[in-house]
């Protein structure tokens, strides 16, 4: 029986993008089954009542210049594309809301989110928010109109808030995070420790 891992991520997180590119290999190599759990970075910071990016960096790891270099290093290590992210170009909350709706279909969230990452951070480029949602939904085999509507829905936003509250209760304080056997592994760079926990192999 596959070992179950919950993958908490946000589409407005470059480190989530990095980690997301490794999920398929993790499942194959470790005999794991990964459930994609969409959150929203900004709403998660509100829920945890502390944002390390508000004001001066609380430590070097939150320095913007350092993080830009760090994500580029990881992308080169993984041999994946990484573009300069145009944060102001898109409504990232709507992406996470659409992913919340996509999660209601088997493999819907994974396929939709991978497509959104590709269109906003990877090898493709979406023109605007609704174009990205529509294209990603199409790639995932989902109804674009349904996901666009969900991305504007107060009901979907309520579902996302509940998901964030539940995640925080489990000990999730940032993205990406993996929860396996009741333990939280935070950060793309903790994948090596998660693999060890899943397989017992170094």
C-alpha atoms as a PDB file:
ATOM      1  CA  UNK A   1       0.000   0.000   0.000  1.00  0.00           C
ATOM      2  CA  UNK A   2       1.460   3.419  -0.971  1.00  0.00           C
ATOM      3  CA  UNK A   3       2.611   5.706   1.833  1.00  0.00           C
ATOM      4  CA  UNK A   4       0.453   8.837   1.970  1.00  0.00           C
ATOM      5  CA  UNK A   5       1.981  12.319   1.873  1.00  0.00           C
ATOM      6  CA  UNK A   6       0.088  15.620   1.905  1.00  0.00           C
ATOM      7  CA  UNK A   7       1.756  18.340  -0.158  1.00  0.00           C
ATOM      8  CA  UNK A   8       0.770  21.830   1.020  1.00  0.00           C
ATOM      9  CA  UNK A   9       1.690  24.445  -1.551  1.00  0.00           C
ATOM     10  CA  UNK A  10       0.694  27.817  -2.963  1.00  0.00           C
ATOM     11  CA  UNK A  11       0.755  28.928  -6.556  1.00  0.00           C
ATOM     12  CA  UNK A  12       2.228  32.256  -5.414  1.00  0.00           C
ATOM     13  CA  UNK A  13       5.355  30.515  -4.113  1.00  0.00           C
ATOM     14  CA  UNK A  14       8.456  29.854  -6.203  1.00  0.00           C
ATOM     15  CA  UNK A  15       9.657  27.265  -3.721  1.00  0.00           C
ATOM     16  CA  UNK A  16       6.348  25.461  -4.141  1.00  0.00           C
ATOM     17  CA  UNK A  17       7.007  25.435  -7.882  1.00  0.00           C
ATOM     18  CA  UNK A  18      10.454  23.948  -7.323  1.00  0.00           C
ATOM     19  CA  UNK A  19       9.092  21.236  -5.021  1.00  0.00           C
ATOM     20  CA  UNK A  20       6.166  20.502  -7.327  1.00  0.00           C
ATOM     21  CA  UNK A  21       8.538  19.498 -10.116  1.00  0.00           C
ATOM     22  CA  UNK A  22       9.891  16.705  -7.899  1.00  0.00           C
ATOM     23  CA  UNK A  23       6.599  15.105  -6.847  1.00  0.00           C
ATOM     24  CA  UNK A  24       6.372  12.550  -9.654  1.00  0.00           C
ATOM     25  CA  UNK A  25       9.882  11.281  -8.911  1.00  0.00           C
ATOM     26  CA  UNK A  26       9.124  11.189  -5.175  1.00  0.00           C
ATOM     27  CA  UNK A  27       6.062   9.016  -5.772  1.00  0.00           C
ATOM     28  CA  UNK A  28       7.930   6.666  -8.075  1.00  0.00           C
ATOM     29  CA  UNK A  29      11.119   6.346  -6.049  1.00  0.00           C
ATOM     30  CA  UNK A  30       9.505   6.119  -2.618  1.00  0.00           C
ATOM     31  CA  UNK A  31       6.297   4.241  -3.347  1.00  0.00           C
ATOM     32  CA  UNK A  32       4.347   7.235  -2.093  1.00  0.00           C
ATOM     33  CA  UNK A  33       0.986   8.694  -2.953  1.00  0.00           C
ATOM     34  CA  UNK A  34       1.013  12.504  -2.772  1.00  0.00           C
ATOM     35  CA  UNK A  35      -2.159  14.532  -2.265  1.00  0.00           C
ATOM     36  CA  UNK A  36      -1.917  18.132  -3.480  1.00  0.00           C
ATOM     37  CA  UNK A  37      -3.344  20.588  -0.909  1.00  0.00           C
ATOM     38  CA  UNK A  38      -3.587  24.167  -2.251  1.00  0.00           C
ATOM     39  CA  UNK A  39      -3.208  27.083   0.146  1.00  0.00           C
ATOM     40  CA  UNK A  40      -2.420  30.756  -0.454  1.00  0.00           C
ATOM     41  CA  UNK A  41       0.847  32.227   0.765  1.00  0.00           C
ATOM     42  CA  UNK A  42      -0.525  35.618   1.823  1.00  0.00           C
ATOM     43  CA  UNK A  43      -3.571  34.168   3.580  1.00  0.00           C
ATOM     44  CA  UNK A  44      -1.360  31.619   5.329  1.00  0.00           C
ATOM     45  CA  UNK A  45       0.819  34.421   6.694  1.00  0.00           C
ATOM     46  CA  UNK A  46      -2.312  36.142   8.025  1.00  0.00           C
ATOM     47  CA  UNK A  47      -3.505  32.909   9.635  1.00  0.00           C
ATOM     48  CA  UNK A  48      -0.179  32.258  11.352  1.00  0.00           C
ATOM     49  CA  UNK A  49      -0.151  35.899  12.552  1.00  0.00           C
ATOM     50  CA  UNK A  50       3.438  36.546  11.552  1.00  0.00           C
ATOM     51  CA  UNK A  51       4.858  37.463   8.167  1.00  0.00           C
ATOM     52  CA  UNK A  52       8.682  37.293   7.963  1.00  0.00           C
ATOM     53  CA  UNK A  53       8.541  39.339   4.748  1.00  0.00           C
ATOM     54  CA  UNK A  54       6.815  42.296   6.377  1.00  0.00           C
ATOM     55  CA  UNK A  55       9.321  45.055   7.063  1.00  0.00           C
ATOM     56  CA  UNK A  56      13.045  44.379   7.224  1.00  0.00           C
ATOM     57  CA  UNK A  57      14.092  40.719   6.708  1.00  0.00           C
ATOM     58  CA  UNK A  58      14.128  38.842   9.994  1.00  0.00           C
ATOM     59  CA  UNK A  59      17.080  36.780   8.764  1.00  0.00           C
ATOM     60  CA  UNK A  60      19.190  36.336   5.660  1.00  0.00           C
ATOM     61  CA  UNK A  61      16.991  33.585   4.283  1.00  0.00           C
ATOM     62  CA  UNK A  62      14.182  36.107   3.832  1.00  0.00           C
ATOM     63  CA  UNK A  63      16.317  38.683   2.042  1.00  0.00           C
ATOM     64  CA  UNK A  64      14.837  39.216  -1.433  1.00  0.00           C
ATOM     65  CA  UNK A  65      18.180  39.346  -3.233  1.00  0.00           C
ATOM     66  CA  UNK A  66      19.327  36.113  -1.591  1.00  0.00           C
ATOM     67  CA  UNK A  67      16.093  34.316  -2.412  1.00  0.00           C
ATOM     68  CA  UNK A  68      16.347  35.306  -6.065  1.00  0.00           C
ATOM     69  CA  UNK A  69      19.766  33.666  -6.244  1.00  0.00           C
ATOM     70  CA  UNK A  70      18.615  30.656  -4.246  1.00  0.00           C
ATOM     71  CA  UNK A  71      15.654  29.772  -6.465  1.00  0.00           C
ATOM     72  CA  UNK A  72      17.848  30.073  -9.558  1.00  0.00           C
ATOM     73  CA  UNK A  73      20.364  27.657  -8.026  1.00  0.00           C
ATOM     74  CA  UNK A  74      17.638  25.145  -7.250  1.00  0.00           C
ATOM     75  CA  UNK A  75      16.157  25.437 -10.745  1.00  0.00           C
ATOM     76  CA  UNK A  76      19.589  24.746 -12.235  1.00  0.00           C
ATOM     77  CA  UNK A  77      20.068  21.803  -9.879  1.00  0.00           C
ATOM     78  CA  UNK A  78      16.704  20.336 -10.890  1.00  0.00           C
ATOM     79  CA  UNK A  79      17.360  21.265 -14.545  1.00  0.00           C
ATOM     80  CA  UNK A  80      13.997  22.996 -14.888  1.00  0.00           C
ATOM     81  CA  UNK A  81      13.017  26.355 -16.432  1.00  0.00           C
ATOM     82  CA  UNK A  82      12.510  29.338 -14.132  1.00  0.00           C
ATOM     83  CA  UNK A  83      11.552  32.756 -15.416  1.00  0.00           C
ATOM     84  CA  UNK A  84      11.581  36.028 -13.533  1.00  0.00           C
ATOM     85  CA  UNK A  85       8.112  36.027 -12.012  1.00  0.00           C
ATOM     86  CA  UNK A  86       5.876  38.964 -12.887  1.00  0.00           C
ATOM     87  CA  UNK A  87       4.083  39.133  -9.550  1.00  0.00           C
ATOM     88  CA  UNK A  88       1.990  42.184 -10.413  1.00  0.00           C
ATOM     89  CA  UNK A  89       0.741  40.690 -13.675  1.00  0.00           C
ATOM     90  CA  UNK A  90      -1.579  38.113 -12.115  1.00  0.00           C
ATOM     91  CA  UNK A  91      -4.161  37.714  -9.374  1.00  0.00           C
ATOM     92  CA  UNK A  92      -2.465  34.886  -7.508  1.00  0.00           C
ATOM     93  CA  UNK A  93      -5.290  34.393  -5.030  1.00  0.00           C
ATOM     94  CA  UNK A  94      -7.569  33.510  -7.935  1.00  0.00           C
ATOM     95  CA  UNK A  95      -5.102  30.843  -9.039  1.00  0.00           C
ATOM     96  CA  UNK A  96      -5.175  29.283  -5.579  1.00  0.00           C
ATOM     97  CA  UNK A  97      -8.963  29.468  -5.487  1.00  0.00           C
ATOM     98  CA  UNK A  98      -9.177  27.736  -8.859  1.00  0.00           C
ATOM     99  CA  UNK A  99      -6.784  25.059  -7.586  1.00  0.00           C
ATOM    100  CA  UNK A 100      -9.078  24.556  -4.593  1.00  0.00           C
ATOM    101  CA  UNK A 101     -11.908  23.781  -7.003  1.00  0.00           C
ATOM    102  CA  UNK A 102      -9.666  21.614  -9.193  1.00  0.00           C
ATOM    103  CA  UNK A 103      -8.804  19.516  -6.136  1.00  0.00           C
ATOM    104  CA  UNK A 104     -12.362  18.126  -6.186  1.00  0.00           C
ATOM    105  CA  UNK A 105     -11.436  16.017  -9.226  1.00  0.00           C
ATOM    106  CA  UNK A 106      -8.997  13.074  -9.131  1.00  0.00           C
ATOM    107  CA  UNK A 107      -5.564  14.401 -10.099  1.00  0.00           C
ATOM    108  CA  UNK A 108      -7.247  17.671 -11.055  1.00  0.00           C
ATOM    109  CA  UNK A 109      -5.299  19.820  -8.626  1.00  0.00           C
ATOM    110  CA  UNK A 110      -1.916  18.368  -9.547  1.00  0.00           C
ATOM    111  CA  UNK A 111      -2.451  18.747 -13.282  1.00  0.00           C
ATOM    112  CA  UNK A 112      -3.999  22.207 -13.020  1.00  0.00           C
ATOM    113  CA  UNK A 113      -1.325  23.508 -10.641  1.00  0.00           C
ATOM    114  CA  UNK A 114       1.531  22.144 -12.726  1.00  0.00           C
ATOM    115  CA  UNK A 115       0.088  23.960 -15.737  1.00  0.00           C
ATOM    116  CA  UNK A 116      -0.298  27.222 -13.798  1.00  0.00           C
ATOM    117  CA  UNK A 117       3.306  26.984 -12.600  1.00  0.00           C
ATOM    118  CA  UNK A 118       4.450  26.377 -16.179  1.00  0.00           C
ATOM    119  CA  UNK A 119       2.496  29.418 -17.409  1.00  0.00           C
ATOM    120  CA  UNK A 120       3.701  31.791 -14.690  1.00  0.00           C
ATOM    121  CA  UNK A 121       7.169  30.580 -13.679  1.00  0.00           C
ATOM    122  CA  UNK A 122       8.236  27.951 -16.182  1.00  0.00           C
ATOM    123  CA  UNK A 123       8.650  27.575 -19.913  1.00  0.00           C
ATOM    124  CA  UNK A 124       5.340  29.106 -20.982  1.00  0.00           C
ATOM    125  CA  UNK A 125       3.785  32.534 -20.434  1.00  0.00           C
ATOM    126  CA  UNK A 126       0.136  33.317 -19.806  1.00  0.00           C
ATOM    127  CA  UNK A 127      -1.209  36.684 -20.915  1.00  0.00           C
ATOM    128  CA  UNK A 128      -3.371  37.401 -17.866  1.00  0.00           C
ATOM    129  CA  UNK A 129      -5.103  35.741 -14.928  1.00  0.00           C
ATOM    130  CA  UNK A 130      -8.127  34.346 -16.746  1.00  0.00           C
ATOM    131  CA  UNK A 131      -6.041  33.173 -19.702  1.00  0.00           C
ATOM    132  CA  UNK A 132      -3.801  31.220 -17.336  1.00  0.00           C
ATOM    133  CA  UNK A 133      -6.754  29.654 -15.499  1.00  0.00           C
ATOM    134  CA  UNK A 134      -8.467  28.759 -18.760  1.00  0.00           C
ATOM    135  CA  UNK A 135      -5.332  27.278 -20.354  1.00  0.00           C
ATOM    136  CA  UNK A 136      -4.367  25.364 -17.210  1.00  0.00           C
ATOM    137  CA  UNK A 137      -7.888  23.989 -16.812  1.00  0.00           C
ATOM    138  CA  UNK A 138      -7.864  22.840 -20.425  1.00  0.00           C
ATOM    139  CA  UNK A 139      -4.489  21.147 -19.939  1.00  0.00           C
ATOM    140  CA  UNK A 140      -5.845  19.397 -16.833  1.00  0.00           C
ATOM    141  CA  UNK A 141      -8.983  18.199 -18.597  1.00  0.00           C
ATOM    142  CA  UNK A 142     -11.200  20.429 -16.464  1.00  0.00           C
ATOM    143  CA  UNK A 143     -13.944  22.890 -17.365  1.00  0.00           C
ATOM    144  CA  UNK A 144     -12.308  26.338 -17.731  1.00  0.00           C
ATOM    145  CA  UNK A 145     -15.558  28.184 -17.058  1.00  0.00           C
ATOM    146  CA  UNK A 146     -16.099  26.273 -13.827  1.00  0.00           C
ATOM    147  CA  UNK A 147     -12.626  27.117 -12.541  1.00  0.00           C
ATOM    148  CA  UNK A 148     -12.862  30.766 -13.590  1.00  0.00           C
ATOM    149  CA  UNK A 149     -16.169  31.028 -11.755  1.00  0.00           C
ATOM    150  CA  UNK A 150     -14.734  29.301  -8.685  1.00  0.00           C
ATOM    151  CA  UNK A 151     -11.808  31.740  -8.676  1.00  0.00           C
ATOM    152  CA  UNK A 152     -14.313  34.556  -8.083  1.00  0.00           C
ATOM    153  CA  UNK A 153     -16.569  32.698  -5.643  1.00  0.00           C
ATOM    154  CA  UNK A 154     -16.942  33.612  -1.979  1.00  0.00           C
ATOM    155  CA  UNK A 155     -17.842  29.966  -1.292  1.00  0.00           C
ATOM    156  CA  UNK A 156     -14.525  28.803  -2.743  1.00  0.00           C
ATOM    157  CA  UNK A 157     -12.701  31.449  -0.723  1.00  0.00           C
ATOM    158  CA  UNK A 158     -14.400  30.132   2.410  1.00  0.00           C
ATOM    159  CA  UNK A 159     -13.221  26.619   1.508  1.00  0.00           C
ATOM    160  CA  UNK A 160      -9.676  27.909   1.090  1.00  0.00           C
ATOM    161  CA  UNK A 161      -9.790  29.685   4.461  1.00  0.00           C
ATOM    162  CA  UNK A 162     -10.943  26.453   6.115  1.00  0.00           C
ATOM    163  CA  UNK A 163      -8.131  24.531   4.402  1.00  0.00           C
ATOM    164  CA  UNK A 164      -5.582  27.037   5.697  1.00  0.00           C
ATOM    165  CA  UNK A 165      -6.995  26.862   9.231  1.00  0.00           C
ATOM    166  CA  UNK A 166      -6.801  23.062   9.131  1.00  0.00           C
ATOM    167  CA  UNK A 167      -3.246  23.173   7.782  1.00  0.00           C
ATOM    168  CA  UNK A 168      -2.095  25.534  10.526  1.00  0.00           C
ATOM    169  CA  UNK A 169      -3.677  23.226  13.101  1.00  0.00           C
ATOM    170  CA  UNK A 170      -1.517  20.409  11.728  1.00  0.00           C
ATOM    171  CA  UNK A 171       1.596  22.542  12.219  1.00  0.00           C
ATOM    172  CA  UNK A 172       1.991  23.874   8.681  1.00  0.00           C
ATOM    173  CA  UNK A 173       3.519  27.359   8.873  1.00  0.00           C
ATOM    174  CA  UNK A 174       4.889  27.860   5.368  1.00  0.00           C
ATOM    175  CA  UNK A 175       4.897  26.508   1.842  1.00  0.00           C
ATOM    176  CA  UNK A 176       5.850  24.153   0.489  1.00  0.00           C
ATOM    177  CA  UNK A 177       5.243  21.748   3.340  1.00  0.00           C
ATOM    178  CA  UNK A 178       4.876  18.000   3.354  1.00  0.00           C
ATOM    179  CA  UNK A 179       3.026  16.093   6.059  1.00  0.00           C
ATOM    180  CA  UNK A 180       3.882  12.424   6.465  1.00  0.00           C
ATOM    181  CA  UNK A 181       2.959  10.248   9.415  1.00  0.00           C
ATOM    182  CA  UNK A 182       1.977  13.333  11.428  1.00  0.00           C
ATOM    183  CA  UNK A 183       5.301  15.088  10.857  1.00  0.00           C
ATOM    184  CA  UNK A 184       5.743  18.377   8.959  1.00  0.00           C
ATOM    185  CA  UNK A 185       8.649  18.793   6.533  1.00  0.00           C
ATOM    186  CA  UNK A 186       8.863  22.449   5.523  1.00  0.00           C
ATOM    187  CA  UNK A 187      10.665  23.648   2.458  1.00  0.00           C
ATOM    188  CA  UNK A 188      11.799  22.405  -0.914  1.00  0.00           C
ATOM    189  CA  UNK A 189      15.164  21.597   0.650  1.00  0.00           C
ATOM    190  CA  UNK A 190      13.520  19.174   3.122  1.00  0.00           C
ATOM    191  CA  UNK A 191      12.615  16.780   0.311  1.00  0.00           C
ATOM    192  CA  UNK A 192      15.792  14.842   1.056  1.00  0.00           C
ATOM    193  CA  UNK A 193      14.636  14.266   4.641  1.00  0.00           C
ATOM    194  CA  UNK A 194      11.155  13.305   3.470  1.00  0.00           C
ATOM    195  CA  UNK A 195      12.672  10.713   1.115  1.00  0.00           C
ATOM    196  CA  UNK A 196      14.675   9.340   4.028  1.00  0.00           C
ATOM    197  CA  UNK A 197      11.532   9.119   6.183  1.00  0.00           C
ATOM    198  CA  UNK A 198       9.670   7.329   3.386  1.00  0.00           C
ATOM    199  CA  UNK A 199      12.374   4.817   2.491  1.00  0.00           C
ATOM    200  CA  UNK A 200      14.821   4.667   5.409  1.00  0.00           C
ATOM    201  CA  UNK A 201      17.582   5.082   2.840  1.00  0.00           C
ATOM    202  CA  UNK A 202      20.174   7.841   2.713  1.00  0.00           C
END
